[in-house]
């Protein structure tokens, strides 16, 4: 199955790219520049494409991203610290981001006669991001079937949609994903901050998977307090 992977350069999408390269036919990676403050992730996507010897398409949608205002990922809004599933993390939502990216990726796949577009959404995304949920994935698949009817047949492949980030770490390790060559931190500094939601989730995932975390964090132990605080909040 000829597959194009949407690759941000993060742990999830790079692991997915390695999975596809091992199990199917990876034909390209596609990344999006939507004006995100953690744009350095695109360098890690390029590194992944080079490592797997496939083309890397970077689609510039900054003019679109400039109108999707209010997110801590694109605007001058503080990126919150804490557990990934806390209510405060809703400030990191970029409205309709996956729908926009997938629509473009499906057009690219149809033009290049690929069979599938793969995306690394997972169960931990469901609470915060509506366009990562199974209902969205199923509906988008159905919509694209109609959109490309008679022209191309492209499927949306989301193998992690019902799993956890720890499952992705386990799967990534099985396909020799170089985790140190991925970027997650929303703050986009020189090192992973260790405090933002995606850093906490990343650190927790390695712990739950029982896999060594090679990430260089500014605050490597903050995740313990963040997960404990979230657990206590859930009990109350």
Foldseek 3Di string as FASTA:
>chain_A
DEEEEAFQQALQRLLVQLVCLVPHHYAEYEYEPQQFLQSCSVVLVVVSCVVSVHYYHYHYNNVVSVPQDQAPGHDVDDQDFFAQLDPVNLSHDRPCVVVVVVVVVVVVCLVVQGAEYEYAQADSCVNRYVCLAPVNQVVSQVVVCVVCPPRHHYGYHHPHSHHAVLVSVLSSVVSVRPNQSGDFASNNDPFRACTGNRSLRNLVSCVVNVHDDPGDHPDNPNSVVRVVVVVVVVVD
